[in-house]
Structure formats: structure tokens, C-alpha cells
Amino acid sequence: MKNLTSVEEGKTLAIISHFWLIGTVIAWILNLKKQNEFTSFYVRQMLGWDLLVFLNGWLIYSFFGGFFKWIIGVILFLFWIISFIGCISGDKKLIPVFGEHFQDWFKSL
């Protein structure tokens, strides 16, 4: 059973974390004091997602071209939508394929 107080208290910052890197950084900084688990979960998810978007724009485009960058960009946007809907509904939704890794890699946040 999820802690509803934690979810409700952390939902605003979790939503903010979904707005690219600047939103992720703002949510992370504002969450440093409270250490809300719901917010921390989504900060880790979005930090990883931001990394994927950066790599898509840099590596995929450089080596495979704009068409593949566009296809992967659409997939990443769908991942973002899944995460955002989970955040709004108060559920911890892992980003498909990578979400568990993001939670592990960024567990200190």
C-alpha cells in the first residue's frame, strides 16, 4: 500500500520533474530538504529519461541520421507520457525497459 501522504506531498514536485532537465533539477533541489520518496522516484526516472533524450539527439543522430532520431524520439515521448500519467495518478510507473536501471543508477538522489 502506498503512503498517500507522501504521494500527495510529493506530487507537485514530481510533476515539475517531468519538464525536461531544468524541471528535474528544480524538483531535485526543492526535494533535498524533504526527501519525499514519490518525488525522488520521479526525479530519478526523469534524470534517466533526460539522459536518453540527450543521447538520442547526439549519438543516434550523429551515427544513424535524422530518421532514426525521429523514431526513437517518438518512442521516448511515449515513455514520457507513460511516466507523466503515472505521476498524475499517484502511481510509481517505471519507464519501460530502462526504469529499473534509472532507480538503481541514481539511488543516491
N, C-alpha and C. Protein backbone atom coordinates (compact mmCIF):
# COMPACT_ATOMS: atom_id res chain seq x y z
N MET A 1 0.84 -1.19 0.00
CA MET A 1 0.00 0.00 0.00
C MET A 1 0.88 1.24 0.00
N LYS A 2 0.59 2.17 -0.90
CA LYS A 2 1.41 3.37 -0.99
C LYS A 2 1.05 4.36 0.12
N ASN A 3 2.01 5.11 0.50
CA ASN A 3 1.83 6.14 1.52
C ASN A 3 1.17 7.35 0.86
N LEU A 4 -0.12 7.56 1.08
CA LEU A 4 -0.86 8.62 0.41
C LEU A 4 -0.36 10.00 0.78
N THR A 5 0.06 10.19 2.01
CA THR A 5 0.60 11.48 2.43
C THR A 5 1.84 11.80 1.63
N SER A 6 2.71 10.82 1.48
CA SER A 6 3.93 11.01 0.73
C SER A 6 3.64 11.32 -0.72
N VAL A 7 2.67 10.62 -1.31
CA VAL A 7 2.31 10.85 -2.71
C VAL A 7 1.74 12.25 -2.89
N GLU A 8 0.79 12.63 -2.05
CA GLU A 8 0.17 13.94 -2.19
C GLU A 8 1.17 15.07 -1.95
N GLU A 9 2.05 14.89 -0.98
CA GLU A 9 3.05 15.93 -0.70
C GLU A 9 4.07 16.05 -1.82
N GLY A 10 4.38 14.94 -2.47
CA GLY A 10 5.42 14.94 -3.49
C GLY A 10 4.95 15.08 -4.92
N LYS A 11 3.63 15.09 -5.12
CA LYS A 11 3.10 15.07 -6.49
C LYS A 11 3.47 16.32 -7.28
N THR A 12 3.41 17.49 -6.67
CA THR A 12 3.72 18.73 -7.40
C THR A 12 5.16 18.72 -7.91
N LEU A 13 6.09 18.37 -7.04
CA LEU A 13 7.48 18.34 -7.48
C LEU A 13 7.73 17.21 -8.48
N ALA A 14 7.02 16.11 -8.34
CA ALA A 14 7.16 15.02 -9.30
C ALA A 14 6.68 15.46 -10.68
N ILE A 15 5.60 16.24 -10.71
CA ILE A 15 5.11 16.77 -11.99
C ILE A 15 6.13 17.75 -12.58
N ILE A 16 6.68 18.61 -11.74
CA ILE A 16 7.68 19.58 -12.20
C ILE A 16 8.89 18.84 -12.79
N SER A 17 9.26 17.71 -12.21
CA SER A 17 10.43 16.97 -12.69
C SER A 17 10.27 16.48 -14.12
N HIS A 18 9.04 16.44 -14.61
CA HIS A 18 8.79 15.96 -15.97
C HIS A 18 9.07 17.02 -17.04
N PHE A 19 9.42 18.23 -16.65
CA PHE A 19 9.63 19.27 -17.65
C PHE A 19 11.11 19.48 -17.90
N TRP A 20 11.61 18.64 -18.71
CA TRP A 20 12.97 18.49 -19.18
C TRP A 20 13.99 18.68 -18.06
N LEU A 21 15.18 18.89 -18.41
CA LEU A 21 16.27 18.89 -17.43
C LEU A 21 16.10 19.98 -16.37
N ILE A 22 15.65 21.16 -16.75
CA ILE A 22 15.50 22.25 -15.78
C ILE A 22 14.46 21.89 -14.73
N GLY A 23 13.36 21.29 -15.13
CA GLY A 23 12.33 20.85 -14.17
C GLY A 23 12.85 19.77 -13.26
N THR A 24 13.65 18.86 -13.80
CA THR A 24 14.24 17.79 -13.00
C THR A 24 15.17 18.37 -11.94
N VAL A 25 16.00 19.31 -12.34
CA VAL A 25 16.94 19.94 -11.40
C VAL A 25 16.19 20.73 -10.33
N ILE A 26 15.17 21.47 -10.73
CA ILE A 26 14.38 22.24 -9.76
C ILE A 26 13.72 21.31 -8.76
N ALA A 27 13.10 20.23 -9.25
CA ALA A 27 12.43 19.28 -8.35
C ALA A 27 13.44 18.63 -7.41
N TRP A 28 14.61 18.29 -7.93
CA TRP A 28 15.64 17.66 -7.10
C TRP A 28 16.10 18.61 -6.00
N ILE A 29 16.37 19.86 -6.35
CA ILE A 29 16.84 20.84 -5.36
C ILE A 29 15.77 21.09 -4.30
N LEU A 30 14.52 21.27 -4.72
CA LEU A 30 13.45 21.52 -3.76
C LEU A 30 13.14 20.30 -2.90
N ASN A 31 13.50 19.12 -3.38
CA ASN A 31 13.25 17.89 -2.62
C ASN A 31 14.40 17.53 -1.69
N LEU A 32 15.52 18.23 -1.76
CA LEU A 32 16.67 17.90 -0.92
C LEU A 32 16.33 17.92 0.57
N LYS A 33 15.53 18.89 0.97
CA LYS A 33 15.20 19.04 2.38
C LYS A 33 14.18 18.00 2.84
N LYS A 34 13.10 17.82 2.08
CA LYS A 34 12.02 16.92 2.49
C LYS A 34 12.31 15.45 2.22
N GLN A 35 13.08 15.17 1.18
CA GLN A 35 13.37 13.80 0.77
C GLN A 35 12.10 12.96 0.61
N ASN A 36 11.13 13.50 -0.11
CA ASN A 36 9.89 12.79 -0.38
C ASN A 36 10.18 11.65 -1.35
N GLU A 37 9.80 10.43 -1.00
CA GLU A 37 10.11 9.25 -1.81
C GLU A 37 9.44 9.28 -3.18
N PHE A 38 8.22 9.77 -3.25
CA PHE A 38 7.50 9.85 -4.52
C PHE A 38 8.22 10.81 -5.47
N THR A 39 8.60 11.97 -4.97
CA THR A 39 9.35 12.93 -5.78
C THR A 39 10.69 12.36 -6.19
N SER A 40 11.39 11.74 -5.25
CA SER A 40 12.70 11.15 -5.56
C SER A 40 12.60 10.10 -6.65
N PHE A 41 11.54 9.28 -6.60
CA PHE A 41 11.33 8.26 -7.62
C PHE A 41 11.26 8.90 -9.00
N TYR A 42 10.46 9.95 -9.13
CA TYR A 42 10.29 10.58 -10.44
C TYR A 42 11.48 11.44 -10.85
N VAL A 43 12.21 11.99 -9.90
CA VAL A 43 13.44 12.71 -10.25
C VAL A 43 14.43 11.72 -10.86
N ARG A 44 14.56 10.53 -10.28
CA ARG A 44 15.46 9.50 -10.84
C ARG A 44 14.99 9.07 -12.23
N GLN A 45 13.68 8.87 -12.39
CA GLN A 45 13.14 8.47 -13.70
C GLN A 45 13.42 9.53 -14.75
N MET A 46 13.18 10.77 -14.40
CA MET A 46 13.32 11.85 -15.38
C MET A 46 14.78 12.19 -15.66
N LEU A 47 15.65 12.03 -14.68
CA LEU A 47 17.07 12.23 -14.94
C LEU A 47 17.55 11.21 -15.97
N GLY A 48 17.13 9.97 -15.82
CA GLY A 48 17.47 8.94 -16.80
C GLY A 48 16.85 9.22 -18.16
N TRP A 49 15.60 9.66 -18.16
CA TRP A 49 14.92 9.99 -19.42
C TRP A 49 15.63 11.15 -20.12
N ASP A 50 16.03 12.17 -19.35
CA ASP A 50 16.77 13.29 -19.92
C ASP A 50 18.06 12.81 -20.56
N LEU A 51 18.73 11.87 -19.91
CA LEU A 51 19.96 11.29 -20.45
C LEU A 51 19.67 10.57 -21.78
N LEU A 52 18.59 9.82 -21.84
CA LEU A 52 18.21 9.14 -23.08
C LEU A 52 17.91 10.14 -24.20
N VAL A 53 17.22 11.21 -23.88
CA VAL A 53 16.91 12.22 -24.89
C VAL A 53 18.19 12.87 -25.40
N PHE A 54 19.12 13.16 -24.50
CA PHE A 54 20.40 13.73 -24.91
C PHE A 54 21.16 12.77 -25.82
N LEU A 55 21.23 11.50 -25.42
CA LEU A 55 21.94 10.52 -26.23
C LEU A 55 21.27 10.33 -27.59
N ASN A 56 19.96 10.39 -27.62
CA ASN A 56 19.24 10.28 -28.89
C ASN A 56 19.60 11.46 -29.81
N GLY A 57 19.63 12.63 -29.25
CA GLY A 57 19.94 13.82 -30.04
C GLY A 57 21.38 13.88 -30.48
N TRP A 58 22.26 13.28 -29.74
CA TRP A 58 23.68 13.36 -30.04
C TRP A 58 24.16 12.11 -30.76
N LEU A 59 24.13 10.97 -30.11
CA LEU A 59 24.68 9.75 -30.69
C LEU A 59 23.86 9.19 -31.84
N ILE A 60 22.57 9.01 -31.62
CA ILE A 60 21.74 8.41 -32.67
C ILE A 60 21.74 9.28 -33.92
N TYR A 61 21.58 10.58 -33.72
CA TYR A 61 21.58 11.48 -34.87
C TYR A 61 22.93 11.47 -35.57
N SER A 62 24.01 11.48 -34.81
CA SER A 62 25.35 11.52 -35.40
C SER A 62 25.68 10.27 -36.21
N PHE A 63 25.27 9.12 -35.71
CA PHE A 63 25.67 7.87 -36.36
C PHE A 63 24.61 7.29 -37.30
N PHE A 64 23.35 7.58 -37.07
CA PHE A 64 22.29 6.95 -37.86
C PHE A 64 21.42 7.94 -38.62
N GLY A 65 21.48 9.20 -38.29
CA GLY A 65 20.73 10.20 -39.03
C GLY A 65 19.41 10.60 -38.40
N GLY A 66 18.77 11.55 -39.05
CA GLY A 66 17.56 12.16 -38.52
C GLY A 66 16.36 11.23 -38.46
N PHE A 67 16.24 10.30 -39.41
CA PHE A 67 15.09 9.41 -39.43
C PHE A 67 15.06 8.54 -38.17
N PHE A 68 16.19 7.93 -37.83
CA PHE A 68 16.24 7.09 -36.63
C PHE A 68 16.10 7.92 -35.36
N LYS A 69 16.66 9.13 -35.39
CA LYS A 69 16.49 10.02 -34.23
C LYS A 69 15.01 10.33 -34.02
N TRP A 70 14.28 10.56 -35.09
CA TRP A 70 12.86 10.86 -35.01
C TRP A 70 12.09 9.67 -34.46
N ILE A 71 12.37 8.47 -34.95
CA ILE A 71 11.67 7.26 -34.48
C ILE A 71 11.92 7.05 -32.99
N ILE A 72 13.17 7.14 -32.57
CA ILE A 72 13.50 6.95 -31.16
C ILE A 72 12.92 8.10 -30.33
N GLY A 73 12.88 9.30 -30.89
CA GLY A 73 12.27 10.43 -30.20
C GLY A 73 10.79 10.20 -29.91
N VAL A 74 10.08 9.61 -30.86
CA VAL A 74 8.66 9.29 -30.65
C VAL A 74 8.51 8.26 -29.54
N ILE A 75 9.37 7.25 -29.55
CA ILE A 75 9.34 6.21 -28.50
C ILE A 75 9.62 6.84 -27.14
N LEU A 76 10.62 7.71 -27.08
CA LEU A 76 10.94 8.38 -25.81
C LEU A 76 9.80 9.27 -25.35
N PHE A 77 9.11 9.91 -26.28
CA PHE A 77 7.95 10.72 -25.92
C PHE A 77 6.85 9.86 -25.33
N LEU A 78 6.64 8.67 -25.89
CA LEU A 78 5.65 7.74 -25.33
C LEU A 78 6.04 7.30 -23.92
N PHE A 79 7.34 7.07 -23.70
CA PHE A 79 7.82 6.74 -22.36
C PHE A 79 7.51 7.88 -21.40
N TRP A 80 7.72 9.12 -21.86
CA TRP A 80 7.44 10.29 -21.02
C TRP A 80 5.96 10.36 -20.67
N ILE A 81 5.09 10.10 -21.64
CA ILE A 81 3.65 10.13 -21.40
C ILE A 81 3.26 9.07 -20.36
N ILE A 82 3.80 7.87 -20.48
CA ILE A 82 3.52 6.81 -19.51
C ILE A 82 3.91 7.26 -18.11
N SER A 83 5.10 7.84 -18.00
CA SER A 83 5.58 8.31 -16.70
C SER A 83 4.72 9.45 -16.17
N PHE A 84 4.37 10.39 -17.03
CA PHE A 84 3.59 11.55 -16.60
C PHE A 84 2.20 11.14 -16.14
N ILE A 85 1.57 10.23 -16.85
CA ILE A 85 0.25 9.74 -16.44
C ILE A 85 0.34 9.03 -15.09
N GLY A 86 1.38 8.23 -14.91
CA GLY A 86 1.58 7.58 -13.61
C GLY A 86 1.77 8.58 -12.50
N CYS A 87 2.53 9.61 -12.77
CA CYS A 87 2.79 10.66 -11.78
C CYS A 87 1.51 11.37 -11.39
N ILE A 88 0.72 11.77 -12.36
CA ILE A 88 -0.53 12.47 -12.09
C ILE A 88 -1.50 11.59 -11.31
N SER A 89 -1.52 10.29 -11.63
CA SER A 89 -2.45 9.39 -10.95
C SER A 89 -1.94 8.94 -9.58
N GLY A 90 -0.72 9.30 -9.23
CA GLY A 90 -0.18 8.96 -7.92
C GLY A 90 0.46 7.58 -7.86
N ASP A 91 0.74 6.99 -9.02
CA ASP A 91 1.40 5.68 -9.07
C ASP A 91 2.86 5.85 -9.46
N LYS A 92 3.68 4.95 -8.99
CA LYS A 92 5.09 4.94 -9.40
C LYS A 92 5.19 4.05 -10.64
N LYS A 93 5.24 4.69 -11.81
CA LYS A 93 5.34 3.98 -13.08
C LYS A 93 6.78 4.05 -13.58
N LEU A 94 7.39 2.89 -13.71
CA LEU A 94 8.74 2.84 -14.26
C LEU A 94 8.68 3.07 -15.76
N ILE A 95 9.67 3.78 -16.27
CA ILE A 95 9.80 3.94 -17.71
C ILE A 95 10.13 2.56 -18.28
N PRO A 96 9.41 2.14 -19.33
CA PRO A 96 9.67 0.81 -19.89
C PRO A 96 11.15 0.61 -20.26
N VAL A 97 11.63 -0.56 -20.05
CA VAL A 97 12.97 -1.04 -20.39
C VAL A 97 14.04 -0.47 -19.45
N PHE A 98 14.06 0.82 -19.23
CA PHE A 98 15.15 1.48 -18.51
C PHE A 98 14.84 1.87 -17.08
N GLY A 99 13.58 1.92 -16.69
CA GLY A 99 13.17 2.48 -15.41
C GLY A 99 13.86 1.87 -14.20
N GLU A 100 13.96 0.55 -14.16
CA GLU A 100 14.62 -0.10 -13.01
C GLU A 100 16.09 0.28 -12.95
N HIS A 101 16.72 0.42 -14.11
CA HIS A 101 18.13 0.83 -14.13
C HIS A 101 18.29 2.25 -13.61
N PHE A 102 17.39 3.14 -13.99
CA PHE A 102 17.46 4.52 -13.51
C PHE A 102 17.33 4.57 -11.99
N GLN A 103 16.43 3.77 -11.44
CA GLN A 103 16.26 3.75 -9.99
C GLN A 103 17.53 3.26 -9.30
N ASP A 104 18.21 2.32 -9.92
CA ASP A 104 19.45 1.78 -9.35
C ASP A 104 20.61 2.75 -9.53
N TRP A 105 20.78 3.28 -10.74
CA TRP A 105 21.91 4.17 -11.03
C TRP A 105 21.86 5.46 -10.23
N PHE A 106 20.67 5.99 -10.02
CA PHE A 106 20.52 7.29 -9.36
C PHE A 106 19.94 7.17 -7.96
N LYS A 107 20.16 6.03 -7.30
CA LYS A 107 19.55 5.79 -6.00
C LYS A 107 19.99 6.76 -4.91
N SER A 108 21.12 7.45 -5.11
CA SER A 108 21.58 8.40 -4.10
C SER A 108 20.81 9.73 -4.15
N LEU A 109 19.97 9.92 -5.15
CA LEU A 109 19.21 11.17 -5.27
C LEU A 109 17.95 11.13 -4.45
